C-alpha atoms as a PDB file:
ATOM      1  CA  MET A   1      30.984  14.517 -13.504  1.00  0.00           C
ATOM      2  CA  TYR A   2      28.914  13.325 -10.507  1.00  0.00           C
ATOM      3  CA  VAL A   3      30.227  12.399  -7.156  1.00  0.00           C
ATOM      4  CA  VAL A   4      27.826   9.749  -5.724  1.00  0.00           C
ATOM      5  CA  LYS A   5      27.989   9.414  -1.777  1.00  0.00           C
ATOM      6  CA  ASN A   6      27.437   5.948  -0.641  1.00  0.00           C
ATOM      7  CA  HIS A   7      27.595   4.694   2.830  1.00  0.00           C
ATOM      8  CA  SER A   8      26.720   1.440   2.136  1.00  0.00           C
ATOM      9  CA  ILE A   9      29.259  -1.811   3.480  1.00  0.00           C
ATOM     10  CA  LYS A  10      27.271  -4.356   1.846  1.00  0.00           C
ATOM     11  CA  PRO A  11      28.858  -5.946  -1.585  1.00  0.00           C
ATOM     12  CA  GLN A  12      25.549  -6.753  -3.187  1.00  0.00           C
ATOM     13  CA  TYR A  13      24.059  -3.431  -2.774  1.00  0.00           C
ATOM     14  CA  ASN A  14      27.414  -1.807  -3.857  1.00  0.00           C
ATOM     15  CA  LEU A  15      27.615  -3.646  -6.799  1.00  0.00           C
ATOM     16  CA  ALA A  16      24.028  -3.047  -7.937  1.00  0.00           C
ATOM     17  CA  LEU A  17      24.453   0.410  -7.334  1.00  0.00           C
ATOM     18  CA  GLU A  18      27.350   0.409  -9.832  1.00  0.00           C
ATOM     19  CA  GLU A  19      25.040  -1.401 -12.180  1.00  0.00           C
ATOM     20  CA  HIS A  20      22.437   1.039 -11.756  1.00  0.00           C
ATOM     21  CA  LEU A  21      24.615   4.020 -12.531  1.00  0.00           C
ATOM     22  CA  CYS A  22      25.802   2.303 -15.815  1.00  0.00           C
ATOM     23  CA  PHE A  23      22.092   2.153 -16.893  1.00  0.00           C
ATOM     24  CA  ARG A  24      21.594   5.724 -15.792  1.00  0.00           C
ATOM     25  CA  ALA A  25      24.676   6.621 -18.066  1.00  0.00           C
ATOM     26  CA  MET A  26      23.278   4.803 -21.354  1.00  0.00           C
ATOM     27  CA  ARG A  27      19.927   6.360 -20.889  1.00  0.00           C
ATOM     28  CA  ASP A  28      21.247  10.117 -20.714  1.00  0.00           C
ATOM     29  CA  GLY A  29      25.105  10.135 -20.750  1.00  0.00           C
ATOM     30  CA  SER A  30      25.663  11.121 -17.074  1.00  0.00           C
ATOM     31  CA  ARG A  31      29.150  10.515 -15.922  1.00  0.00           C
ATOM     32  CA  PHE A  32      29.875   9.102 -12.244  1.00  0.00           C
ATOM     33  CA  PHE A  33      32.637   8.834  -9.604  1.00  0.00           C
ATOM     34  CA  MET A  34      32.284   7.028  -6.715  1.00  0.00           C
ATOM     35  CA  LEU A  35      34.038   5.788  -3.910  1.00  0.00           C
ATOM     36  CA  TRP A  36      33.202   3.009  -1.551  1.00  0.00           C
ATOM     37  CA  ARG A  37      33.861   0.225   0.763  1.00  0.00           C
ATOM     38  CA  ASN A  38      32.650  -3.353   1.685  1.00  0.00           C
ATOM     39  CA  GLU A  39      32.433  -5.680   4.625  1.00  0.00           C
ATOM     40  CA  PRO A  40      35.023  -8.596   4.276  1.00  0.00           C
ATOM     41  CA  SER A  41      34.117  -9.549   0.616  1.00  0.00           C
ATOM     42  CA  ILE A  42      35.164 -11.579  -2.066  1.00  0.00           C
ATOM     43  CA  ILE A  43      34.402 -10.241  -5.271  1.00  0.00           C
ATOM     44  CA  VAL A  44      34.671 -12.708  -8.287  1.00  0.00           C
ATOM     45  CA  GLY A  45      35.311 -11.719 -11.791  1.00  0.00           C
ATOM     46  CA  ARG A  46      32.812 -12.289 -14.373  1.00  0.00           C
ATOM     47  CA  PHE A  47      34.249 -15.119 -16.277  1.00  0.00           C
ATOM     48  CA  GLN A  48      35.764 -17.225 -13.407  1.00  0.00           C
ATOM     49  CA  ASN A  49      34.895 -20.514 -11.305  1.00  0.00           C
ATOM     50  CA  THR A  50      33.837 -18.980  -8.195  1.00  0.00           C
ATOM     51  CA  LEU A  51      34.716 -22.549  -6.195  1.00  0.00           C
ATOM     52  CA  GLU A  52      38.279 -22.344  -7.667  1.00  0.00           C
ATOM     53  CA  GLU A  53      38.883 -18.992  -6.281  1.00  0.00           C
ATOM     54  CA  ILE A  54      37.844 -19.504  -2.506  1.00  0.00           C
ATOM     55  CA  ASP A  55      38.667 -21.449   0.540  1.00  0.00           C
ATOM     56  CA  ALA A  56      34.946 -21.744   0.932  1.00  0.00           C
ATOM     57  CA  ALA A  57      35.571 -23.571   4.543  1.00  0.00           C
ATOM     58  CA  PHE A  58      37.473 -20.414   5.743  1.00  0.00           C
ATOM     59  CA  VAL A  59      34.759 -17.990   3.878  1.00  0.00           C
ATOM     60  CA  GLU A  60      32.038 -20.009   5.756  1.00  0.00           C
ATOM     61  CA  GLU A  61      34.011 -19.921   9.026  1.00  0.00           C
ATOM     62  CA  ARG A  62      34.624 -16.297   8.891  1.00  0.00           C
ATOM     63  CA  GLY A  63      31.224 -15.278   7.011  1.00  0.00           C
ATOM     64  CA  ILE A  64      32.673 -13.593   4.262  1.00  0.00           C
ATOM     65  CA  HIS A  65      30.468 -12.512   1.196  1.00  0.00           C
ATOM     66  CA  VAL A  66      31.490 -13.829  -2.063  1.00  0.00           C
ATOM     67  CA  VAL A  67      29.666 -12.018  -5.179  1.00  0.00           C
ATOM     68  CA  ARG A  68      30.437 -11.781  -8.969  1.00  0.00           C
ATOM     69  CA  ARG A  69      30.923  -8.788 -10.422  1.00  0.00           C
ATOM     70  CA  ASN A  70      30.233  -7.614 -14.252  1.00  0.00           C
ATOM     71  CA  SER A  71      33.855  -6.950 -14.959  1.00  0.00           C
ATOM     72  CA  GLY A  72      36.414  -9.519 -15.817  1.00  0.00           C
ATOM     73  CA  GLY A  73      39.843 -10.321 -14.094  1.00  0.00           C
ATOM     74  CA  GLY A  74      40.557 -11.923 -10.861  1.00  0.00           C
ATOM     75  CA  ALA A  75      39.108 -12.335  -7.599  1.00  0.00           C
ATOM     76  CA  VAL A  76      39.777  -9.821  -5.248  1.00  0.00           C
ATOM     77  CA  TYR A  77      39.211  -9.217  -1.367  1.00  0.00           C
ATOM     78  CA  HIS A  78      37.483  -6.679   0.296  1.00  0.00           C
ATOM     79  CA  ASP A  79      37.312  -5.227   3.676  1.00  0.00           C
ATOM     80  CA  LEU A  80      36.593  -2.081   5.384  1.00  0.00           C
ATOM     81  CA  GLY A  81      40.388  -1.357   5.208  1.00  0.00           C
ATOM     82  CA  ASN A  82      40.210  -1.340   1.467  1.00  0.00           C
ATOM     83  CA  VAL A  83      38.756   1.677  -0.346  1.00  0.00           C
ATOM     84  CA  ASN A  84      37.257   1.022  -3.795  1.00  0.00           C
ATOM     85  CA  TYR A  85      36.331   3.558  -6.672  1.00  0.00           C
ATOM     86  CA  SER A  86      34.182   3.763  -9.789  1.00  0.00           C
ATOM     87  CA  PHE A  87      34.132   5.938 -13.023  1.00  0.00           C
ATOM     88  CA  VAL A  88      31.408   5.445 -15.029  1.00  0.00           C
ATOM     89  CA  ALA A  89      31.357   7.242 -18.426  1.00  0.00           C
ATOM     90  CA  PRO A  90      31.241   7.141 -22.078  1.00  0.00           C
ATOM     91  CA  ASP A  91      33.853   5.274 -23.397  1.00  0.00           C
ATOM     92  CA  ASP A  92      36.903   7.738 -22.593  1.00  0.00           C
ATOM     93  CA  PHE A  93      40.137   5.577 -21.726  1.00  0.00           C
ATOM     94  CA  ALA A  94      41.986   8.888 -20.608  1.00  0.00           C
ATOM     95  CA  LEU A  95      39.709   9.566 -17.812  1.00  0.00           C
ATOM     96  CA  PHE A  96      40.483   6.316 -15.721  1.00  0.00           C
ATOM     97  CA  THR A  97      43.313   5.553 -13.324  1.00  0.00           C
ATOM     98  CA  GLY A  98      44.995   8.896 -13.977  1.00  0.00           C
ATOM     99  CA  PRO A  99      43.002  10.484 -11.409  1.00  0.00           C
ATOM    100  CA  ILE A 100      43.662   7.973  -8.684  1.00  0.00           C
ATOM    101  CA  ILE A 101      47.601   8.461  -9.356  1.00  0.00           C
ATOM    102  CA  HIS A 102      47.159  11.847  -8.982  1.00  0.00           C
ATOM    103  CA  ALA A 103      45.376  11.811  -5.831  1.00  0.00           C
ATOM    104  CA  LEU A 104      47.877   9.264  -4.426  1.00  0.00           C
ATOM    105  CA  ALA A 105      50.544  11.383  -5.648  1.00  0.00           C
ATOM    106  CA  ALA A 106      49.060  14.514  -3.932  1.00  0.00           C
ATOM    107  CA  MET A 107      49.044  13.015  -0.578  1.00  0.00           C
ATOM    108  CA  GLY A 108      52.837  12.118  -1.243  1.00  0.00           C
ATOM    109  CA  VAL A 109      52.990   8.759  -2.165  1.00  0.00           C
ATOM    110  CA  GLU A 110      55.071   7.903  -4.908  1.00  0.00           C
ATOM    111  CA  VAL A 111      53.273   5.363  -7.230  1.00  0.00           C
ATOM    112  CA  GLU A 112      53.681   3.750 -10.541  1.00  0.00           C
ATOM    113  CA  LEU A 113      51.195   2.420 -13.308  1.00  0.00           C
ATOM    114  CA  SER A 114      52.169  -1.280 -13.665  1.00  0.00           C
ATOM    115  CA  GLY A 115      50.721  -2.667 -17.217  1.00  0.00           C
ATOM    116  CA  ARG A 116      47.322  -1.125 -18.019  1.00  0.00           C
ATOM    117  CA  ASN A 117      45.171  -0.933 -14.765  1.00  0.00           C
ATOM    118  CA  ASP A 118      47.783  -1.860 -11.698  1.00  0.00           C
ATOM    119  CA  ILE A 119      49.408   0.811  -9.391  1.00  0.00           C
ATOM    120  CA  THR A 120      52.338  -0.220  -7.232  1.00  0.00           C
ATOM    121  CA  VAL A 121      54.584   1.271  -4.876  1.00  0.00           C
ATOM    122  CA  ALA A 122      57.704   0.231  -3.812  1.00  0.00           C
ATOM    123  CA  GLY A 123      56.977  -2.589  -6.079  1.00  0.00           C
ATOM    124  CA  LYS A 124      54.309  -3.553  -4.307  1.00  0.00           C
ATOM    125  CA  LYS A 125      50.817  -3.828  -5.535  1.00  0.00           C
ATOM    126  CA  VAL A 126      48.362  -1.556  -3.831  1.00  0.00           C
ATOM    127  CA  SER A 127      45.734  -1.156  -6.515  1.00  0.00           C
ATOM    128  CA  GLY A 128      44.283  -3.241  -9.442  1.00  0.00           C
ATOM    129  CA  GLY A 129      41.679  -2.532 -11.713  1.00  0.00           C
ATOM    130  CA  ALA A 130      38.868  -3.930 -13.975  1.00  0.00           C
ATOM    131  CA  GLN A 131      36.653  -2.726 -17.050  1.00  0.00           C
ATOM    132  CA  TYR A 132      33.116  -3.794 -18.251  1.00  0.00           C
ATOM    133  CA  ARG A 133      31.627  -1.800 -21.772  1.00  0.00           C
ATOM    134  CA  ARG A 134      27.820  -1.962 -22.333  1.00  0.00           C
ATOM    135  CA  GLY A 135      25.806   0.026 -24.727  1.00  0.00           C
ATOM    136  CA  GLY A 136      28.770   2.803 -25.508  1.00  0.00           C
ATOM    137  CA  VAL A 137      29.564   3.145 -21.697  1.00  0.00           C
ATOM    138  CA  THR A 138      32.567   2.024 -19.625  1.00  0.00           C
ATOM    139  CA  LEU A 139      32.500   1.156 -15.985  1.00  0.00           C
ATOM    140  CA  HIS A 140      36.261   0.907 -14.848  1.00  0.00           C
ATOM    141  CA  HIS A 141      36.664   0.075 -10.939  1.00  0.00           C
ATOM    142  CA  GLY A 142      39.296  -0.747  -8.637  1.00  0.00           C
ATOM    143  CA  THR A 143      40.348  -1.451  -5.469  1.00  0.00           C
ATOM    144  CA  LEU A 144      42.897   0.760  -3.396  1.00  0.00           C
ATOM    145  CA  LEU A 145      44.583  -1.331  -0.307  1.00  0.00           C
ATOM    146  CA  TYR A 146      45.027   1.293   2.421  1.00  0.00           C
ATOM    147  CA  ASP A 147      44.939  -0.736   5.708  1.00  0.00           C
ATOM    148  CA  SER A 148      43.434  -4.170   4.852  1.00  0.00           C
ATOM    149  CA  ASP A 149      44.242  -7.534   6.495  1.00  0.00           C
ATOM    150  CA  LEU A 150      46.822  -8.997   3.922  1.00  0.00           C
ATOM    151  CA  ASP A 151      46.800 -12.040   5.884  1.00  0.00           C
ATOM    152  CA  VAL A 152      43.209 -12.860   5.605  1.00  0.00           C
ATOM    153  CA  LEU A 153      43.644 -11.729   2.316  1.00  0.00           C
ATOM    154  CA  SER A 154      46.411 -14.384   1.341  1.00  0.00           C
ATOM    155  CA  ARG A 155      44.084 -16.937   2.784  1.00  0.00           C
ATOM    156  CA  VAL A 156      40.917 -16.513   1.535  1.00  0.00           C
ATOM    157  CA  LEU A 157      41.952 -16.348  -1.893  1.00  0.00           C
ATOM    158  CA  ARG A 158      43.922 -19.622  -1.649  1.00  0.00           C
ATOM    159  CA  PRO A 159      42.477 -22.385  -3.845  1.00  0.00           C
ATOM    160  CA  SER A 160      41.760 -25.891  -2.506  1.00  0.00           C
ATOM    161  CA  GLU A 161      44.775 -28.441  -2.556  1.00  0.00           C
ATOM    162  CA  GLU A 162      42.824 -30.642  -5.550  1.00  0.00           C
ATOM    163  CA  LYS A 163      43.309 -28.756  -8.797  1.00  0.00           C
ATOM    164  CA  PHE A 164      40.565 -28.095 -10.942  1.00  0.00           C
ATOM    165  CA  GLN A 165      40.438 -28.586 -14.574  1.00  0.00           C
ATOM    166  CA  SER A 166      38.414 -25.588 -15.831  1.00  0.00           C
ATOM    167  CA  LYS A 167      38.057 -23.274 -18.901  1.00  0.00           C
ATOM    168  CA  ALA A 168      37.635 -20.576 -16.226  1.00  0.00           C
ATOM    169  CA  VAL A 169      40.264 -17.528 -16.038  1.00  0.00           C
ATOM    170  CA  LYS A 170      42.246 -18.267 -12.984  1.00  0.00           C
ATOM    171  CA  SER A 171      43.384 -15.096 -10.873  1.00  0.00           C
ATOM    172  CA  VAL A 172      46.719 -13.910 -10.887  1.00  0.00           C
ATOM    173  CA  ARG A 173      48.061 -13.680  -7.131  1.00  0.00           C
ATOM    174  CA  GLY A 174      51.011 -11.371  -7.191  1.00  0.00           C
ATOM    175  CA  ARG A 175      52.708  -9.357  -4.133  1.00  0.00           C
ATOM    176  CA  VAL A 176      50.645  -7.108  -2.453  1.00  0.00           C
ATOM    177  CA  GLY A 177      50.953  -4.154   0.248  1.00  0.00           C
ATOM    178  CA  ASN A 178      49.140  -1.404   1.987  1.00  0.00           C
ATOM    179  CA  ILE A 179      49.278   2.333   1.058  1.00  0.00           C
ATOM    180  CA  LYS A 180      49.080   3.501   4.866  1.00  0.00           C
ATOM    181  CA  PRO A 181      52.592   2.706   5.549  1.00  0.00           C
ATOM    182  CA  PHE A 182      53.679   4.799   2.689  1.00  0.00           C
ATOM    183  CA  LEU A 183      51.905   8.375   3.490  1.00  0.00           C
ATOM    184  CA  PRO A 184      53.966  10.683   5.142  1.00  0.00           C
ATOM    185  CA  ARG A 185      51.540  11.199   8.125  1.00  0.00           C
ATOM    186  CA  PRO A 186      49.101   8.241   9.128  1.00  0.00           C
ATOM    187  CA  LEU A 187      45.621   9.006   8.169  1.00  0.00           C
ATOM    188  CA  SER A 188      42.290   7.084   9.269  1.00  0.00           C
ATOM    189  CA  VAL A 189      40.414   5.242   6.444  1.00  0.00           C
ATOM    190  CA  SER A 190      38.001   7.941   6.346  1.00  0.00           C
ATOM    191  CA  GLU A 191      40.172  10.608   6.088  1.00  0.00           C
ATOM    192  CA  PHE A 192      42.227   8.848   3.204  1.00  0.00           C
ATOM    193  CA  GLN A 193      38.699   8.607   1.373  1.00  0.00           C
ATOM    194  CA  SER A 194      37.962  12.084   1.498  1.00  0.00           C
ATOM    195  CA  ARG A 195      41.405  13.226   0.829  1.00  0.00           C
ATOM    196  CA  LEU A 196      41.154  11.111  -2.222  1.00  0.00           C
ATOM    197  CA  GLN A 197      37.512  12.384  -3.378  1.00  0.00           C
ATOM    198  CA  SER A 198      38.982  16.132  -2.941  1.00  0.00           C
ATOM    199  CA  ALA A 199      41.778  15.267  -5.185  1.00  0.00           C
ATOM    200  CA  VAL A 200      39.284  14.213  -8.332  1.00  0.00           C
ATOM    201  CA  GLU A 201      38.509  17.350  -9.917  1.00  0.00           C
ATOM    202  CA  GLY A 202      35.334  18.578 -11.387  1.00  0.00           C
ATOM    203  CA  LEU A 203      32.725  16.907  -9.198  1.00  0.00           C
ATOM    204  CA  THR A 204      29.543  17.542  -8.412  1.00  0.00           C
ATOM    205  CA  PRO A 205      27.117  16.040  -5.455  1.00  0.00           C
ATOM    206  CA  PHE A 206      24.548  13.698  -6.754  1.00  0.00           C
ATOM    207  CA  ALA A 207      22.058  11.834  -4.812  1.00  0.00           C
ATOM    208  CA  LEU A 208      19.578   8.943  -5.740  1.00  0.00           C
ATOM    209  CA  ASP A 209      15.869   9.702  -5.583  1.00  0.00           C
ATOM    210  CA  SER A 210      13.365   7.238  -4.069  1.00  0.00           C
ATOM    211  CA  GLU A 211      12.751   5.747  -7.872  1.00  0.00           C
ATOM    212  CA  ALA A 212      16.488   5.032  -8.148  1.00  0.00           C
ATOM    213  CA  LEU A 213      17.103   3.611  -5.019  1.00  0.00           C
ATOM    214  CA  GLN A 214      14.259   0.998  -5.524  1.00  0.00           C
ATOM    215  CA  GLU A 215      16.293   0.345  -8.864  1.00  0.00           C
ATOM    216  CA  VAL A 216      19.261  -0.457  -7.265  1.00  0.00           C
ATOM    217  CA  ARG A 217      17.500  -2.574  -4.475  1.00  0.00           C
ATOM    218  CA  GLY A 218      15.750  -4.883  -7.057  1.00  0.00           C
ATOM    219  CA  ILE A 219      19.001  -5.282  -8.842  1.00  0.00           C
ATOM    220  CA  GLU A 220      20.369  -6.479  -5.641  1.00  0.00           C
ATOM    221  CA  GLU A 221      17.723  -8.880  -4.930  1.00  0.00           C
ATOM    222  CA  GLU A 222      17.116 -10.102  -8.234  1.00  0.00           C
ATOM    223  CA  LYS A 223      20.445 -10.758  -9.087  1.00  0.00           C
ATOM    224  CA  TYR A 224      23.489  -9.954  -6.556  1.00  0.00           C
ATOM    225  CA  SER A 225      22.368 -11.724  -4.066  1.00  0.00           C
ATOM    226  CA  THR A 226      21.597 -15.007  -5.605  1.00  0.00           C
ATOM    227  CA  TRP A 227      23.077 -18.039  -5.827  1.00  0.00           C
ATOM    228  CA  ASP A 228      22.729 -18.705  -9.512  1.00  0.00           C
ATOM    229  CA  TRP A 229      24.762 -15.257 -10.239  1.00  0.00           C
ATOM    230  CA  ASN A 230      27.173 -15.789  -7.609  1.00  0.00           C
ATOM    231  CA  TYR A 231      28.028 -19.188  -7.978  1.00  0.00           C
ATOM    232  CA  GLY A 232      25.813 -20.472 -11.222  1.00  0.00           C
ATOM    233  CA  ALA A 233      27.325 -18.370 -13.728  1.00  0.00           C
ATOM    234  CA  SER A 234      30.785 -20.245 -13.160  1.00  0.00           C
ATOM    235  CA  PRO A 235      31.898 -21.737 -16.097  1.00  0.00           C
ATOM    236  CA  ARG A 236      31.962 -25.598 -16.824  1.00  0.00           C
ATOM    237  CA  PHE A 237      34.386 -27.519 -14.947  1.00  0.00           C
ATOM    238  CA  THR A 238      35.467 -31.254 -13.578  1.00  0.00           C
ATOM    239  CA  GLU A 239      36.643 -32.001 -10.123  1.00  0.00           C
ATOM    240  CA  ARG A 240      38.174 -35.220  -8.979  1.00  0.00           C
ATOM    241  CA  LYS A 241      37.772 -35.867  -4.956  1.00  0.00           C
ATOM    242  CA  LYS A 242      39.534 -38.859  -3.293  1.00  0.00           C
ATOM    243  CA  THR A 243      39.815 -40.005   0.337  1.00  0.00           C
ATOM    244  CA  ARG A 244      40.282 -42.665   2.411  1.00  0.00           C
ATOM    245  CA  PHE A 245      37.333 -44.033   4.974  1.00  0.00           C
ATOM    246  CA  PRO A 246      37.495 -46.933   7.345  1.00  0.00           C
ATOM    247  CA  TRP A 247      35.556 -49.061   4.852  1.00  0.00           C
ATOM    248  CA  GLY A 248      38.058 -47.974   1.687  1.00  0.00           C
ATOM    249  CA  GLY A 249      39.729 -45.486  -0.250  1.00  0.00           C
ATOM    250  CA  VAL A 250      36.954 -43.972  -2.815  1.00  0.00           C
ATOM    251  CA  GLU A 251      37.218 -41.376  -5.805  1.00  0.00           C
ATOM    252  CA  ALA A 252      34.716 -38.995  -7.051  1.00  0.00           C
ATOM    253  CA  PHE A 253      34.538 -37.535 -10.098  1.00  0.00           C
ATOM    254  CA  LEU A 254      32.194 -34.582 -10.876  1.00  0.00           C
ATOM    255  CA  VAL A 255      31.517 -32.374 -13.733  1.00  0.00           C
ATOM    256  CA  VAL A 256      29.669 -28.998 -12.776  1.00  0.00           C
ATOM    257  CA  ASN A 257      28.072 -27.268 -15.438  1.00  0.00           C
ATOM    258  CA  GLU A 258      26.342 -23.106 -14.494  1.00  0.00           C
ATOM    259  CA  GLY A 259      26.804 -24.516 -10.809  1.00  0.00           C
ATOM    260  CA  ARG A 260      24.933 -27.700 -10.909  1.00  0.00           C
ATOM    261  CA  ILE A 261      25.848 -31.464 -10.834  1.00  0.00           C
ATOM    262  CA  ILE A 262      25.645 -32.577 -14.600  1.00  0.00           C
ATOM    263  CA  GLU A 263      27.534 -36.053 -14.205  1.00  0.00           C
ATOM    264  CA  CYS A 264      29.181 -37.841 -10.859  1.00  0.00           C
ATOM    265  CA  SER A 265      31.094 -41.062 -10.994  1.00  0.00           C
ATOM    266  CA  PHE A 266      32.701 -43.278  -8.348  1.00  0.00           C
ATOM    267  CA  ARG A 267      35.869 -45.769  -8.358  1.00  0.00           C
ATOM    268  CA  GLY A 268      37.939 -47.475  -5.618  1.00  0.00           C
ATOM    269  CA  ASP A 269      38.766 -50.393  -3.331  1.00  0.00           C
ATOM    270  CA  TYR A 270      35.542 -50.358  -1.528  1.00  0.00           C
ATOM    271  CA  PHE A 271      33.017 -52.700  -1.572  1.00  0.00           C
ATOM    272  CA  GLY A 272      29.325 -52.528  -2.756  1.00  0.00           C
ATOM    273  CA  ASN A 273      27.171 -53.234  -5.762  1.00  0.00           C
ATOM    274  CA  GLY A 274      28.039 -50.924  -8.279  1.00  0.00           C
ATOM    275  CA  ASP A 275      24.566 -49.550  -8.894  1.00  0.00           C
ATOM    276  CA  TYR A 276      24.661 -46.009  -8.277  1.00  0.00           C
ATOM    277  CA  ALA A 277      21.383 -44.932 -10.054  1.00  0.00           C
ATOM    278  CA  PRO A 278      19.734 -44.298  -6.779  1.00  0.00           C
ATOM    279  CA  LEU A 279      22.017 -41.531  -5.916  1.00  0.00           C
ATOM    280  CA  LEU A 280      22.819 -40.198  -9.279  1.00  0.00           C
ATOM    281  CA  SER A 281      18.993 -39.930  -9.771  1.00  0.00           C
ATOM    282  CA  ARG A 282      19.359 -37.674  -6.587  1.00  0.00           C
ATOM    283  CA  LEU A 283      22.245 -36.061  -7.117  1.00  0.00           C
ATOM    284  CA  VAL A 284      22.402 -34.877 -10.843  1.00  0.00           C
ATOM    285  CA  GLY A 285      20.639 -31.550 -11.517  1.00  0.00           C
ATOM    286  CA  ARG A 286      21.629 -30.560  -8.266  1.00  0.00           C
ATOM    287  CA  THR A 287      23.127 -27.292  -7.341  1.00  0.00           C
ATOM    288  CA  TYR A 288      26.945 -27.751  -6.144  1.00  0.00           C
ATOM    289  CA  GLU A 289      26.770 -26.420  -2.663  1.00  0.00           C
ATOM    290  CA  ARG A 290      26.740 -28.481   0.814  1.00  0.00           C
ATOM    291  CA  GLU A 291      23.271 -27.888   1.391  1.00  0.00           C
ATOM    292  CA  SER A 292      22.045 -29.478  -1.613  1.00  0.00           C
ATOM    293  CA  VAL A 293      24.389 -32.087  -1.779  1.00  0.00           C
ATOM    294  CA  ALA A 294      23.114 -33.011   1.959  1.00  0.00           C
ATOM    295  CA  GLN A 295      19.262 -32.921   1.093  1.00  0.00           C
ATOM    296  CA  ALA A 296      20.388 -35.294  -2.226  1.00  0.00           C
ATOM    297  CA  LEU A 297      21.499 -37.752   0.314  1.00  0.00           C
ATOM    298  CA  GLU A 298      18.770 -37.956   2.649  1.00  0.00           C
ATOM    299  CA  GLY A 299      16.751 -41.085   2.393  1.00  0.00           C
ATOM    300  CA  VAL A 300      19.313 -42.772   0.163  1.00  0.00           C
ATOM    301  CA  ASP A 301      20.618 -46.374   1.156  1.00  0.00           C
ATOM    302  CA  VAL A 302      24.464 -45.532   0.577  1.00  0.00           C
ATOM    303  CA  HIS A 303      25.425 -48.497   2.430  1.00  0.00           C
ATOM    304  CA  GLU A 304      24.504 -50.978  -0.596  1.00  0.00           C
ATOM    305  CA  MET A 305      26.480 -48.798  -2.875  1.00  0.00           C
ATOM    306  CA  PHE A 306      29.170 -48.245  -0.380  1.00  0.00           C
ATOM    307  CA  ALA A 307      29.646 -51.301   2.115  1.00  0.00           C
ATOM    308  CA  GLY A 308      30.093 -49.518   5.944  1.00  0.00           C
ATOM    309  CA  ALA A 309      29.757 -45.983   4.631  1.00  0.00           C
ATOM    310  CA  SER A 310      27.214 -43.635   5.824  1.00  0.00           C
ATOM    311  CA  SER A 311      25.021 -41.085   3.965  1.00  0.00           C
ATOM    312  CA  THR A 312      27.369 -38.300   6.265  1.00  0.00           C
ATOM    313  CA  ASP A 313      30.476 -39.958   4.668  1.00  0.00           C
ATOM    314  CA  LEU A 314      29.248 -39.149   1.296  1.00  0.00           C
ATOM    315  CA  ALA A 315      28.177 -36.069   1.780  1.00  0.00           C
ATOM    316  CA  VAL A 316      31.635 -34.990   3.155  1.00  0.00           C
ATOM    317  CA  LEU A 317      33.172 -36.311  -0.082  1.00  0.00           C
ATOM    318  CA  LEU A 318      30.780 -34.862  -2.272  1.00  0.00           C
ATOM    319  CA  SER A 319      30.411 -31.450  -0.808  1.00  0.00           C
ATOM    320  CA  PRO A 320      32.313 -28.360  -2.723  1.00  0.00           C
ATOM    321  CA  ASN A 321      35.768 -27.399  -1.512  1.00  0.00           C
ATOM    322  CA  VAL A 322      35.717 -30.213   0.677  1.00  0.00           C
ATOM    323  CA  TYR A 323      39.081 -30.920   1.671  1.00  0.00           C
ATOM    324  CA  SER A 324      39.412 -29.075   5.250  1.00  0.00           C
ATOM    325  CA  GLY A 325      36.419 -31.076   6.156  1.00  0.00           C
ATOM    326  CA  LEU A 326      38.401 -34.248   5.188  1.00  0.00           C
ATOM    327  CA  ARG A 327      41.279 -33.585   7.249  1.00  0.00           C
ATOM    328  CA  ASN A 328      39.400 -33.175  10.073  1.00  0.00           C
ATOM    329  CA  TYR A 329      37.239 -36.037   9.416  1.00  0.00           C
ATOM    330  CA  GLU A 330      40.640 -38.264   9.042  1.00  0.00           C
ATOM    331  CA  HIS A 331      42.105 -36.624  12.112  1.00  0.00           C
ATOM    332  CA  GLN A 332      38.902 -37.380  14.146  1.00  0.00           C
ATOM    333  CA  ASN A 333      38.411 -41.169  13.102  1.00  0.00           C
ATOM    334  CA  GLY A 334      42.026 -42.000  13.179  1.00  0.00           C
ATOM    335  CA  VAL A 335      42.274 -42.625   9.109  1.00  0.00           C
END
């Protein structure tokens, strides 16, 4: 089995590298092992609704990456205190998880396997895994919470207060903990990573050539860095938004499919002419993101539809994960 040295901390590149290794394994039957870390990121499961899984306002404020992976399962938070592992090999289920448990045990950590892919220490989940199969090859990857910021983890994955109605798979957020406090002797993250790799037997160093690096960069740019993959690949969902402005109370009902608004309707105790066609003609078909919604409202006379309203009011109402913004609006305007 080859071990791939990867010093990148950019999630888009790291997931692209995983995909490249899968393609290579499909072509020639190679087996790979890789340890890697990401700067603060949310890695969303393949079948999840991205907007349902994240606190978008907090993510934007902190500059946290949001990237969708190929494997299923729930959304996870990564930072530089989290070490990720990947196995890529022809289907061989006996290969996975066992080496990680063995490596942790060799460092003096008493671990248990919970379910198929989770690893616990003293009843706390410290590792979760997921799998992706294609062309006779399995990618098994997982997180190892070593010294992560658990406060940020609990905050960043918190869904909005309003509930989505969605066919997406929801994350299961259990009790989690870090590995570091359970070590007999504290190690830096880099020392922990080195000890982990040393405990996995039979590894042969492997380096990507320039052609392979170019392929990885292509996958990174064309897939993992795109809005269409990270947000647009979300399942169809509906969302109800409700607040009260100085000009009246309003509810908006949105249907979003593949990240684009396909339906929108309004009701409330506001005054207006009831003709929303000028707004809907601009809004329907737009990507469901803050900037796109704001652009749709430019030049639209919303006052005729919602007497006393401004385009800013509608942008606040219709933008995704808007509730923090609404609370700020209400506080600032005494509503």
